[in-house]
Amino acid sequence: MKNKIKVRPSLIILIIILCSIIIFILGKSNNLKANDSVIPARENKDTSFYSTFKHAAENENCLKCHGQSKFYAENKESGRTMTKKMYSELIIRRDLFYVSNHREFKCIDCHSEDYMTFPHTGNLMMQAMPNCLDCHGGDPKYAKYHFENIEKEFNESVHVKRLGGNFTCWKCHNGHFYKITARPSENIKHTISYDNAICLNCHADSLNYQLLTDKETPNLITKHDWLPNQKLHFTSVRCIECHTRKSAKDSTLVAHEILPKQQAVKKCQECHSTNSILLATLYRYEVKEIRSTRGFIKGSIVNDKYVIGANRNHYLNVLSIIIVISVVIGILVHAFLRMIK
């Protein structure tokens, strides 16, 4: 009497489902929670919240006008007091300034003391503002940021080569609000949005763009119409990923050598491959942090920032091959057993 071994197809399907669930759980276990570090905005009318900050009392001499949308001017000859509108680009929001990198500065640390006289004289508008190296250059305290290297890259950028001295650090980084976000961060979407907003401040705003050139403001949607799944790219990577060149050996946090549009990245495989340029830019510090806290395998295999073609791993490849071979063997065994019945 022959013993007939019955292998049910449902058993094979169950094994496949269980393997899929294991892979899914591994992936979900590494999802990061975004930490919201932004202080809620407060009305400028009540300034008591900011009084505890260093030099807050001195800075209020300026912010009582520049911290709101209107100011008051008194005509001494007529005795009349007039309400004037403060131009939006001259408004310094306290809630942003007091969480910025320069929150402990006095206004006159960067601006001329002549601004303490009101009304301000017209020639103050021509005053050259200090650049990053004026304060940070040669200072051991800031050596880790490599400001000297940043200046070299900046001077080689297409902006400086075409606009010369008219293009300064301030065109991209407002010293009143600047806050470094290019750090190991659990909220990578915030970093992308923050950095892209710097570029879009000119390239998507015709008024600001026209301050630099007489050329027509480019339509970014049309200029990037060659890009597949355009919206996803715009929200998932920064402009500088494609418009700069940065290697994993670079010491600077963010590349400052903006390239001419003809040299921008357009080949899909430069990002969508195991040697993705994103590993040297956007995900460079995040990957290091994940590996140090969660281990090499989780830092390499499981990542909630999936990039097609880049998130490949040897262990997952082997596991996938085993599953496929197991399914094929199961089908062949099942077919063979049915044939010998």
Foldseek 3Di string as FASTA:
>chain_A
DDDFDADDPVVLVVVVVVVVVVLVVLQVVPQFDADDPQDDADDPVDCPVVPPAACPVVQCLVCVAQQDQWDWDADPVVRDIDIGGDDPVSHQHPSQQCVAPCVNDHPCVFAPPQVSDPPRDPCSVVDDTDAPCVPQNPDPVCVLQVVVVQVVLQCQAPLCVVQPPVDGPCLQAPRRRHHDDLAQGSCLLVVQVVQQVSVCVQLVDQVSVVVRDVDGRDDVCVVCVVDPPVVCPSRQHHPQLFQDDFDLPDSHSAGNRGHDPVRGDDDLCCQQALVHSCCSHSCVNNLVVCCVVPNDCSSLQHDPSDHHHHNDDPVVVVVVVVSVVSSVVSVVVNVVSVVVD
